[in-house]
C-alpha atoms as a PDB file:
ATOM      1  CA  MET A   1      10.504 -13.634  -6.995  1.00  0.00           C
ATOM      2  CA  LYS A   2       7.244 -12.196  -5.823  1.00  0.00           C
ATOM      3  CA  LYS A   3       4.094 -11.542  -7.786  1.00  0.00           C
ATOM      4  CA  TYR A   4       0.752  -9.928  -7.323  1.00  0.00           C
ATOM      5  CA  LEU A   5      -2.020 -12.206  -8.571  1.00  0.00           C
ATOM      6  CA  LEU A   6      -5.409 -10.887  -9.603  1.00  0.00           C
ATOM      7  CA  SER A   7      -8.380 -13.092 -10.375  1.00  0.00           C
ATOM      8  CA  LEU A   8     -11.856 -11.744 -10.962  1.00  0.00           C
ATOM      9  CA  THR A   9     -14.934 -13.889 -11.500  1.00  0.00           C
ATOM     10  CA  VAL A  10     -18.445 -12.917 -12.473  1.00  0.00           C
ATOM     11  CA  LEU A  11     -21.015 -15.665 -12.037  1.00  0.00           C
ATOM     12  CA  PHE A  12     -24.540 -15.518 -13.351  1.00  0.00           C
ATOM     13  CA  VAL A  13     -27.111 -18.185 -12.544  1.00  0.00           C
ATOM     14  CA  PHE A  14     -30.256 -18.015 -14.559  1.00  0.00           C
ATOM     15  CA  THR A  15     -31.850 -21.405 -14.374  1.00  0.00           C
ATOM     16  CA  ALA A  16     -33.956 -23.092 -11.779  1.00  0.00           C
ATOM     17  CA  ALA A  17     -33.540 -26.429 -13.538  1.00  0.00           C
ATOM     18  CA  CYS A  18     -30.818 -26.063 -16.135  1.00  0.00           C
ATOM     19  CA  PHE A  19     -31.277 -28.359 -19.112  1.00  0.00           C
ATOM     20  CA  SER A  20     -34.162 -30.132 -17.446  1.00  0.00           C
ATOM     21  CA  PRO A  21     -36.285 -32.019 -19.927  1.00  0.00           C
ATOM     22  CA  ALA A  22     -39.347 -29.975 -20.745  1.00  0.00           C
ATOM     23  CA  LYS A  23     -42.771 -31.554 -20.567  1.00  0.00           C
ATOM     24  CA  ALA A  24     -44.888 -31.915 -23.674  1.00  0.00           C
ATOM     25  CA  GLN A  25     -47.334 -29.202 -24.606  1.00  0.00           C
ATOM     26  CA  THR A  26     -44.944 -26.383 -23.941  1.00  0.00           C
ATOM     27  CA  TYR A  27     -43.656 -23.417 -25.860  1.00  0.00           C
ATOM     28  CA  THR A  28     -40.431 -21.376 -25.687  1.00  0.00           C
ATOM     29  CA  ILE A  29     -40.001 -17.652 -25.135  1.00  0.00           C
ATOM     30  CA  GLN A  30     -36.718 -16.001 -26.120  1.00  0.00           C
ATOM     31  CA  HIS A  31     -35.327 -12.732 -24.799  1.00  0.00           C
ATOM     32  CA  ASP A  32     -31.992 -11.012 -25.369  1.00  0.00           C
ATOM     33  CA  VAL A  33     -30.830  -9.549 -22.059  1.00  0.00           C
ATOM     34  CA  TYR A  34     -27.798  -7.263 -21.749  1.00  0.00           C
ATOM     35  CA  TRP A  35     -26.450  -7.213 -18.227  1.00  0.00           C
ATOM     36  CA  GLU A  36     -23.768  -4.642 -17.601  1.00  0.00           C
ATOM     37  CA  THR A  37     -22.210  -2.716 -14.744  1.00  0.00           C
ATOM     38  CA  HIS A  38     -19.418  -0.169 -14.592  1.00  0.00           C
ATOM     39  CA  ASN A  39     -17.122   1.359 -11.975  1.00  0.00           C
ATOM     40  CA  GLN A  40     -17.665  -1.404  -9.454  1.00  0.00           C
ATOM     41  CA  ASN A  41     -15.071  -1.195  -6.692  1.00  0.00           C
ATOM     42  CA  MET A  42     -12.483  -3.935  -7.074  1.00  0.00           C
ATOM     43  CA  TRP A  43     -12.244  -4.609  -3.325  1.00  0.00           C
ATOM     44  CA  GLY A  44     -15.868  -4.574  -2.282  1.00  0.00           C
ATOM     45  CA  PRO A  45     -19.278  -2.920  -2.662  1.00  0.00           C
ATOM     46  CA  ASN A  46     -19.402   0.677  -3.778  1.00  0.00           C
ATOM     47  CA  GLY A  47     -19.500   2.994  -0.795  1.00  0.00           C
ATOM     48  CA  GLN A  48     -17.359   0.609   1.269  1.00  0.00           C
ATOM     49  CA  PRO A  49     -14.077   0.392  -0.646  1.00  0.00           C
ATOM     50  CA  PHE A  50     -11.045  -1.316   0.790  1.00  0.00           C
ATOM     51  CA  ASN A  51      -8.619   1.347   1.975  1.00  0.00           C
ATOM     52  CA  ILE A  52      -4.981   0.731   1.101  1.00  0.00           C
ATOM     53  CA  ASN A  53      -3.755   4.124   2.329  1.00  0.00           C
ATOM     54  CA  ILE A  54      -1.702   3.765   5.509  1.00  0.00           C
ATOM     55  CA  HIS A  55      -0.293   6.219   8.042  1.00  0.00           C
ATOM     56  CA  LEU A  56       1.686   4.209  10.577  1.00  0.00           C
ATOM     57  CA  PRO A  57       3.820   5.972  13.219  1.00  0.00           C
ATOM     58  CA  LEU A  58       6.628   3.538  14.071  1.00  0.00           C
ATOM     59  CA  PHE A  59       7.978   5.434  17.092  1.00  0.00           C
ATOM     60  CA  HIS A  60       8.026   8.973  18.475  1.00  0.00           C
ATOM     61  CA  VAL A  61      10.211  10.474  21.184  1.00  0.00           C
ATOM     62  CA  ASP A  62       9.455  14.033  22.328  1.00  0.00           C
ATOM     63  CA  TYR A  63      11.584  15.660  25.038  1.00  0.00           C
ATOM     64  CA  ASP A  64      11.231  19.249  26.219  1.00  0.00           C
ATOM     65  CA  THR A  65      12.539  20.682  29.479  1.00  0.00           C
ATOM     66  CA  ASN A  66      14.266  23.685  31.031  1.00  0.00           C
ATOM     67  CA  PHE A  67      16.123  24.027  34.304  1.00  0.00           C
ATOM     68  CA  GLN A  68      18.610  26.244  36.146  1.00  0.00           C
ATOM     69  CA  VAL A  69      21.930  25.493  37.807  1.00  0.00           C
ATOM     70  CA  GLY A  70      23.764  27.958  40.074  1.00  0.00           C
ATOM     71  CA  TRP A  71      23.214  30.293  43.013  1.00  0.00           C
ATOM     72  CA  MET A  72      21.591  33.663  43.215  1.00  0.00           C
ATOM     73  CA  ASP A  73      20.769  35.736  46.314  1.00  0.00           C
ATOM     74  CA  THR A  74      20.246  39.319  47.418  1.00  0.00           C
ATOM     75  CA  VAL A  75      22.867  40.935  49.626  1.00  0.00           C
ATOM     76  CA  LEU A  76      22.019  44.338  51.059  1.00  0.00           C
ATOM     77  CA  GLY A  77      19.311  44.675  48.445  1.00  0.00           C
ATOM     78  CA  VAL A  78      21.696  43.904  45.581  1.00  0.00           C
ATOM     79  CA  PRO A  79      21.485  40.625  43.573  1.00  0.00           C
ATOM     80  CA  PHE A  80      24.612  38.583  43.799  1.00  0.00           C
ATOM     81  CA  GLY A  81      25.590  35.248  42.233  1.00  0.00           C
ATOM     82  CA  ALA A  82      25.547  33.325  38.953  1.00  0.00           C
ATOM     83  CA  MET A  83      22.858  31.159  37.322  1.00  0.00           C
ATOM     84  CA  PHE A  84      23.032  28.949  34.244  1.00  0.00           C
ATOM     85  CA  ASN A  85      19.731  28.566  32.365  1.00  0.00           C
ATOM     86  CA  PHE A  86      19.219  25.427  30.238  1.00  0.00           C
ATOM     87  CA  ASP A  87      16.389  25.160  27.697  1.00  0.00           C
ATOM     88  CA  THR A  88      16.384  21.946  25.640  1.00  0.00           C
ATOM     89  CA  TRP A  89      14.054  20.091  23.308  1.00  0.00           C
ATOM     90  CA  PHE A  90      14.444  16.986  21.173  1.00  0.00           C
ATOM     91  CA  VAL A  91      12.151  15.121  18.740  1.00  0.00           C
ATOM     92  CA  LEU A  92      12.930  11.803  17.052  1.00  0.00           C
ATOM     93  CA  GLY A  93      10.396   9.660  15.253  1.00  0.00           C
ATOM     94  CA  SER A  94       9.678   7.564  12.188  1.00  0.00           C
ATOM     95  CA  THR A  95       6.552   7.121  10.062  1.00  0.00           C
ATOM     96  CA  PHE A  96       5.591   4.691   7.306  1.00  0.00           C
ATOM     97  CA  GLU A  97       3.018   5.989   4.821  1.00  0.00           C
ATOM     98  CA  MET A  98       1.153   4.868   1.725  1.00  0.00           C
ATOM     99  CA  TYR A  99      -1.060   7.508   0.128  1.00  0.00           C
ATOM    100  CA  GLY A 100      -2.495   8.541  -3.220  1.00  0.00           C
ATOM    101  CA  TRP A 101      -3.614   5.020  -4.092  1.00  0.00           C
ATOM    102  CA  THR A 102      -6.890   4.350  -5.873  1.00  0.00           C
ATOM    103  CA  THR A 103      -8.596   1.038  -5.196  1.00  0.00           C
ATOM    104  CA  GLY A 104      -9.356   0.152  -8.807  1.00  0.00           C
ATOM    105  CA  TRP A 105     -12.644  -0.796 -10.400  1.00  0.00           C
ATOM    106  CA  VAL A 106     -14.280  -3.390 -12.650  1.00  0.00           C
ATOM    107  CA  ASP A 107     -16.483  -3.052 -15.748  1.00  0.00           C
ATOM    108  CA  VAL A 108     -18.635  -6.006 -16.813  1.00  0.00           C
ATOM    109  CA  GLU A 109     -20.723  -6.625 -19.917  1.00  0.00           C
ATOM    110  CA  TYR A 110     -22.638  -9.907 -20.070  1.00  0.00           C
ATOM    111  CA  PRO A 111     -25.149 -10.206 -22.935  1.00  0.00           C
ATOM    112  CA  VAL A 112     -27.218 -13.410 -22.987  1.00  0.00           C
ATOM    113  CA  GLU A 113     -30.038 -15.000 -24.920  1.00  0.00           C
ATOM    114  CA  MET A 114     -32.630 -16.329 -22.484  1.00  0.00           C
ATOM    115  CA  GLU A 115     -34.982 -19.207 -23.290  1.00  0.00           C
ATOM    116  CA  LEU A 116     -37.965 -19.856 -21.030  1.00  0.00           C
ATOM    117  CA  THR A 117     -39.964 -23.038 -21.563  1.00  0.00           C
ATOM    118  CA  VAL A 118     -43.486 -22.753 -20.173  1.00  0.00           C
ATOM    119  CA  PRO A 119     -46.629 -24.940 -20.423  1.00  0.00           C
ATOM    120  CA  ASN A 120     -49.281 -24.106 -22.945  1.00  0.00           C
ATOM    121  CA  ASN A 121     -52.454 -22.543 -21.733  1.00  0.00           C
ATOM    122  CA  TYR A 122     -55.066 -24.971 -20.407  1.00  0.00           C
ATOM    123  CA  THR A 123     -52.518 -27.805 -20.076  1.00  0.00           C
ATOM    124  CA  PHE A 124     -52.532 -27.752 -16.261  1.00  0.00           C
ATOM    125  CA  ASN A 125     -55.188 -27.732 -13.604  1.00  0.00           C
ATOM    126  CA  PRO A 126     -55.687 -25.324 -10.686  1.00  0.00           C
ATOM    127  CA  GLY A 127     -53.423 -26.269  -7.773  1.00  0.00           C
ATOM    128  CA  GLU A 128     -51.136 -28.383  -9.956  1.00  0.00           C
ATOM    129  CA  ILE A 129     -47.365 -27.873  -9.644  1.00  0.00           C
ATOM    130  CA  VAL A 130     -45.999 -26.373 -12.847  1.00  0.00           C
ATOM    131  CA  THR A 131     -42.316 -26.382 -13.785  1.00  0.00           C
ATOM    132  CA  LEU A 132     -40.815 -23.482 -15.734  1.00  0.00           C
ATOM    133  CA  ASN A 133     -37.521 -24.420 -17.388  1.00  0.00           C
ATOM    134  CA  SER A 134     -34.904 -21.940 -18.466  1.00  0.00           C
ATOM    135  CA  ASP A 135     -31.701 -21.939 -20.463  1.00  0.00           C
ATOM    136  CA  TYR A 136     -29.331 -19.264 -21.667  1.00  0.00           C
ATOM    137  CA  THR A 137     -26.534 -18.705 -24.137  1.00  0.00           C
ATOM    138  CA  VAL A 138     -23.838 -16.089 -23.640  1.00  0.00           C
ATOM    139  CA  LEU A 139     -23.708 -13.847 -26.682  1.00  0.00           C
ATOM    140  CA  PRO A 140     -20.561 -12.375 -28.280  1.00  0.00           C
ATOM    141  CA  GLY A 141     -19.304  -9.244 -26.553  1.00  0.00           C
ATOM    142  CA  ALA A 142     -19.083 -10.584 -23.003  1.00  0.00           C
ATOM    143  CA  GLU A 143     -16.248  -8.747 -21.266  1.00  0.00           C
ATOM    144  CA  LEU A 144     -14.769  -8.401 -17.789  1.00  0.00           C
ATOM    145  CA  TYR A 145     -12.368  -5.470 -17.737  1.00  0.00           C
ATOM    146  CA  SER A 146     -10.364  -4.573 -14.652  1.00  0.00           C
ATOM    147  CA  HIS A 147      -8.778  -1.193 -13.935  1.00  0.00           C
ATOM    148  CA  PHE A 148      -5.839  -1.869 -11.644  1.00  0.00           C
ATOM    149  CA  PRO A 149      -5.427   0.466  -8.651  1.00  0.00           C
ATOM    150  CA  GLN A 150      -3.504   3.663  -9.348  1.00  0.00           C
ATOM    151  CA  ALA A 151      -0.031   3.548  -7.870  1.00  0.00           C
ATOM    152  CA  GLY A 152       0.599   6.196  -5.242  1.00  0.00           C
ATOM    153  CA  VAL A 153       3.446   6.968  -2.866  1.00  0.00           C
ATOM    154  CA  ILE A 154       5.269   4.744  -0.383  1.00  0.00           C
ATOM    155  CA  SER A 155       7.535   6.485   2.094  1.00  0.00           C
ATOM    156  CA  LEU A 156       9.516   5.764   5.229  1.00  0.00           C
ATOM    157  CA  ASP A 157      10.424   9.036   6.952  1.00  0.00           C
ATOM    158  CA  LEU A 158      12.670   9.953   9.849  1.00  0.00           C
ATOM    159  CA  ASP A 159      11.516  12.982  11.857  1.00  0.00           C
ATOM    160  CA  PHE A 160      14.274  14.830  13.679  1.00  0.00           C
ATOM    161  CA  GLY A 161      14.769  18.156  15.381  1.00  0.00           C
ATOM    162  CA  MET A 162      16.533  19.521  18.445  1.00  0.00           C
ATOM    163  CA  GLY A 163      17.380  22.689  20.258  1.00  0.00           C
ATOM    164  CA  LEU A 164      19.821  23.559  23.055  1.00  0.00           C
ATOM    165  CA  ASN A 165      19.988  27.014  24.550  1.00  0.00           C
ATOM    166  CA  VAL A 166      22.314  27.784  27.461  1.00  0.00           C
ATOM    167  CA  ASP A 167      22.945  31.216  28.891  1.00  0.00           C
ATOM    168  CA  ALA A 168      24.521  32.492  32.090  1.00  0.00           C
ATOM    169  CA  THR A 169      23.183  35.280  34.247  1.00  0.00           C
ATOM    170  CA  VAL A 170      25.895  36.887  36.399  1.00  0.00           C
ATOM    171  CA  CYS A 171      24.944  39.401  39.060  1.00  0.00           C
ATOM    172  CA  LEU A 172      27.502  41.539  40.869  1.00  0.00           C
ATOM    173  CA  ALA A 173      25.927  44.854  41.796  1.00  0.00           C
ATOM    174  CA  GLY A 174      24.265  44.524  38.367  1.00  0.00           C
ATOM    175  CA  CYS A 175      23.113  41.569  36.289  1.00  0.00           C
ATOM    176  CA  THR A 176      24.409  40.548  32.890  1.00  0.00           C
ATOM    177  CA  THR A 177      23.111  37.681  30.720  1.00  0.00           C
ATOM    178  CA  ILE A 178      25.782  35.993  28.614  1.00  0.00           C
ATOM    179  CA  PRO A 179      24.795  33.594  25.748  1.00  0.00           C
ATOM    180  CA  VAL A 180      26.804  30.376  26.019  1.00  0.00           C
ATOM    181  CA  ILE A 181      25.250  27.877  23.587  1.00  0.00           C
ATOM    182  CA  ASP A 182      22.496  28.460  21.032  1.00  0.00           C
ATOM    183  CA  VAL A 183      21.842  25.434  18.807  1.00  0.00           C
ATOM    184  CA  ASN A 184      18.547  25.076  16.949  1.00  0.00           C
ATOM    185  CA  ILE A 185      17.859  22.359  14.341  1.00  0.00           C
ATOM    186  CA  PRO A 186      14.231  22.845  13.182  1.00  0.00           C
ATOM    187  CA  LEU A 187      12.019  19.773  13.107  1.00  0.00           C
ATOM    188  CA  ASP A 188      12.232  18.231   9.653  1.00  0.00           C
ATOM    189  CA  SER A 189      11.387  14.968   7.937  1.00  0.00           C
ATOM    190  CA  ILE A 190      14.082  12.998   6.115  1.00  0.00           C
ATOM    191  CA  ALA A 191      12.997  10.433   3.514  1.00  0.00           C
ATOM    192  CA  ILE A 192      14.802   7.178   4.217  1.00  0.00           C
ATOM    193  CA  PHE A 193      12.810   5.433   1.497  1.00  0.00           C
ATOM    194  CA  TYR A 194      10.490   7.161  -0.955  1.00  0.00           C
ATOM    195  CA  LEU A 195       8.795   5.721  -4.016  1.00  0.00           C
ATOM    196  CA  ASN A 196       6.355   7.705  -6.140  1.00  0.00           C
ATOM    197  CA  GLY A 197       4.450   5.469  -8.516  1.00  0.00           C
ATOM    198  CA  GLN A 198       3.105   8.374 -10.527  1.00  0.00           C
ATOM    199  CA  THR A 199       6.327  10.285 -11.195  1.00  0.00           C
ATOM    200  CA  GLY A 200       8.788   7.382 -10.911  1.00  0.00           C
ATOM    201  CA  GLN A 201      10.897   9.301  -8.378  1.00  0.00           C
ATOM    202  CA  PHE A 202      12.472   7.244  -5.640  1.00  0.00           C
ATOM    203  CA  ILE A 203      14.941   7.664  -2.775  1.00  0.00           C
ATOM    204  CA  TYR A 204      16.684   4.748  -1.118  1.00  0.00           C
ATOM    205  CA  PRO A 205      19.696   4.109   1.132  1.00  0.00           C
ATOM    206  CA  CYS A 206      22.923   3.238  -0.649  1.00  0.00           C
ATOM    207  CA  ILE A 207      26.702   3.230  -0.246  1.00  0.00           C
ATOM    208  CA  GLN A 208      28.648   6.091  -1.855  1.00  0.00           C
ATOM    209  CA  ASN A 209      32.414   6.342  -1.435  1.00  0.00           C
ATOM    210  CA  GLY A 210      32.232   3.960   1.470  1.00  0.00           C
ATOM    211  CA  TRP A 211      29.612   6.004   3.330  1.00  0.00           C
ATOM    212  CA  ILE A 212      25.897   5.404   3.840  1.00  0.00           C
ATOM    213  CA  ALA A 213      23.959   7.899   1.730  1.00  0.00           C
ATOM    214  CA  PHE A 214      20.559   8.338   0.129  1.00  0.00           C
ATOM    215  CA  CYS A 215      20.435   7.856  -3.622  1.00  0.00           C
ATOM    216  CA  HIS A 216      17.932   9.748  -5.781  1.00  0.00           C
ATOM    217  CA  ASP A 217      16.671   8.642  -9.154  1.00  0.00           C
ATOM    218  CA  THR A 218      13.579   8.908 -11.329  1.00  0.00           C
ATOM    219  CA  ILE A 219      13.630   5.603 -13.166  1.00  0.00           C
ATOM    220  CA  LEU A 220      11.971   2.357 -12.135  1.00  0.00           C
ATOM    221  CA  PRO A 221      12.752  -0.381 -11.385  1.00  0.00           C
ATOM    222  CA  ILE A 222      15.174   0.123  -8.502  1.00  0.00           C
ATOM    223  CA  THR A 223      18.201  -2.031  -9.281  1.00  0.00           C
ATOM    224  CA  PHE A 224      20.889  -2.841  -6.746  1.00  0.00           C
ATOM    225  CA  ASN A 225      23.996  -4.999  -6.884  1.00  0.00           C
ATOM    226  CA  ASN A 226      25.754  -6.368  -3.791  1.00  0.00           C
ATOM    227  CA  LEU A 227      23.736  -4.069  -1.535  1.00  0.00           C
ATOM    228  CA  TRP A 228      25.770  -2.872   1.497  1.00  0.00           C
ATOM    229  CA  GLY A 229      28.416  -5.440   0.564  1.00  0.00           C
ATOM    230  CA  ILE A 230      26.334  -8.385   1.823  1.00  0.00           C
ATOM    231  CA  GLY A 231      25.828 -10.048  -1.564  1.00  0.00           C
ATOM    232  CA  LEU A 232      22.177  -9.031  -2.000  1.00  0.00           C
ATOM    233  CA  SER A 233      21.238  -8.074  -5.559  1.00  0.00           C
ATOM    234  CA  GLY A 234      17.970  -7.639  -7.422  1.00  0.00           C
ATOM    235  CA  TRP A 235      15.321  -5.138  -8.385  1.00  0.00           C
ATOM    236  CA  ILE A 236      12.023  -3.759  -7.079  1.00  0.00           C
ATOM    237  CA  THR A 237       9.238  -1.996  -8.933  1.00  0.00           C
ATOM    238  CA  LEU A 238       5.545  -1.210  -8.521  1.00  0.00           C
ATOM    239  CA  PRO A 239       3.078  -3.800  -9.805  1.00  0.00           C
ATOM    240  CA  TYR A 240       0.538  -3.066 -12.483  1.00  0.00           C
ATOM    241  CA  ILE A 241      -1.652  -6.030 -13.380  1.00  0.00           C
ATOM    242  CA  GLU A 242      -3.289  -6.238 -16.780  1.00  0.00           C
ATOM    243  CA  THR A 243      -5.905  -8.974 -16.925  1.00  0.00           C
ATOM    244  CA  VAL A 244      -7.173 -11.194 -19.724  1.00  0.00           C
ATOM    245  CA  ASP A 245     -10.782 -12.349 -19.552  1.00  0.00           C
ATOM    246  CA  TYR A 246     -12.380 -15.549 -20.825  1.00  0.00           C
ATOM    247  CA  LEU A 247     -15.700 -17.378 -20.568  1.00  0.00           C
ATOM    248  CA  ASP A 248     -15.654 -20.670 -18.669  1.00  0.00           C
ATOM    249  CA  THR A 249     -18.420 -22.882 -20.083  1.00  0.00           C
ATOM    250  CA  SER A 250     -17.331 -26.123 -18.417  1.00  0.00           C
ATOM    251  CA  ASP A 251     -20.595 -26.067 -16.417  1.00  0.00           C
ATOM    252  CA  PRO A 252     -23.427 -24.993 -18.771  1.00  0.00           C
ATOM    253  CA  CYS A 253     -25.595 -24.047 -15.796  1.00  0.00           C
ATOM    254  CA  HIS A 254     -22.938 -21.754 -14.300  1.00  0.00           C
ATOM    255  CA  GLN A 255     -21.041 -20.041 -17.100  1.00  0.00           C
ATOM    256  CA  MET A 256     -18.420 -17.852 -15.513  1.00  0.00           C
ATOM    257  CA  LEU A 257     -16.724 -14.795 -16.951  1.00  0.00           C
ATOM    258  CA  ILE A 258     -13.201 -14.759 -15.483  1.00  0.00           C
ATOM    259  CA  ALA A 259     -10.290 -12.326 -15.739  1.00  0.00           C
ATOM    260  CA  ASN A 260      -6.854 -12.874 -14.240  1.00  0.00           C
ATOM    261  CA  GLY A 261      -3.283 -11.720 -14.582  1.00  0.00           C
ATOM    262  CA  ASP A 262      -0.057 -11.282 -12.648  1.00  0.00           C
ATOM    263  CA  SER A 263       2.776  -8.820 -12.260  1.00  0.00           C
ATOM    264  CA  THR A 264       6.289  -9.462 -10.976  1.00  0.00           C
ATOM    265  CA  TYR A 265       7.318  -6.619  -8.692  1.00  0.00           C
ATOM    266  CA  MET A 266      10.430  -7.929  -6.939  1.00  0.00           C
ATOM    267  CA  PHE A 267      13.420 -10.118  -7.731  1.00  0.00           C
ATOM    268  CA  LEU A 268      16.127 -10.886  -5.178  1.00  0.00           C
ATOM    269  CA  GLU A 269      19.214 -13.044  -5.237  1.00  0.00           C
ATOM    270  CA  LEU A 270      21.783 -13.586  -2.503  1.00  0.00           C
ATOM    271  CA  ASP A 271      25.440 -14.528  -2.950  1.00  0.00           C
ATOM    272  CA  ILE A 272      25.859 -16.882   0.002  1.00  0.00           C
ATOM    273  CA  VAL A 273      29.670 -16.724  -0.017  1.00  0.00           C
ATOM    274  CA  GLN A 274      29.670 -12.908  -0.029  1.00  0.00           C
ATOM    275  CA  PHE A 275      26.970 -12.841   2.649  1.00  0.00           C
ATOM    276  CA  LEU A 276      28.913 -15.155   4.983  1.00  0.00           C
ATOM    277  CA  SER A 277      32.067 -13.143   4.355  1.00  0.00           C
ATOM    278  CA  ALA A 278      30.256  -9.915   5.291  1.00  0.00           C
ATOM    279  CA  ILE A 279      28.843 -11.493   8.450  1.00  0.00           C
ATOM    280  CA  ALA A 280      32.264 -12.830   9.441  1.00  0.00           C
ATOM    281  CA  GLY A 281      33.662  -9.318   9.093  1.00  0.00           C
ATOM    282  CA  LEU A 282      31.364  -8.162  11.887  1.00  0.00           C
ATOM    283  CA  ILE A 283      32.830 -10.615  14.401  1.00  0.00           C
ATOM    284  CA  PRO A 284      35.544  -8.950  16.508  1.00  0.00           C
ATOM    285  CA  PRO A 285      38.964 -10.558  17.020  1.00  0.00           C
ATOM    286  CA  PRO A 286      40.201 -13.044  17.993  1.00  0.00           C
ATOM    287  CA  GLN A 287      37.223 -15.091  16.696  1.00  0.00           C
ATOM    288  CA  GLY A 288      36.766 -12.813  13.680  1.00  0.00           C
ATOM    289  CA  PRO A 289      39.200 -11.193  11.216  1.00  0.00           C
END
């Protein structure tokens, strides 16, 4: 079982000497201060967000050539002979992509009551070191709210296309071009795995009627049982973490506003007996079945 864990901490330090004993002949000043910030990027400072969009070409093969086979000459000013013309191209590649993801943001509200303890006037001399003590109390309404990143699209695509054109040019007093082969499969992208976190649509490889196919559905999570006959079962979904915040007052000088949560996005289980049986079936005779 796998989980995403999210822990957010906001730390405010107000005091130079927290809970230090104040000297005599002092007085206290109180202020209510409301610190707040909104739309702070979850992964770093605004303007420099962490980018979770990925475009990763896994491999790419591109072949394009043409050539001729045969003989052609001019006899007494007349072309004579036969020539086969080959024109071929082939593209095969694969790309992994993640796009349409937002990085999430954080809203913080941190109201406090500040207390500053300062010496009375005329209780210190010029050049004397004076200590200003401070203390604070977090007021009701403190909140750390996290907006989890918007789920986008994850895809693994296979790019494929090919063309083969063969024709023959035959010259005997006159020339004639005869089409022999004309095959053209336009370059296209096939989704081997596709998961759209916004629409819930997904495509994944599966076994149908004993053949490898690509299953389509629009409901998450993806559930599979005895995948490919190897005993692997489980489910996969997209995480969405909702956090719960609380105020940690264990250290009065460093009261921390914390939010955390988790989200289970994958569960797998493997039938060992079925797995070993499937592996044994791949071993050719006489060692195997």
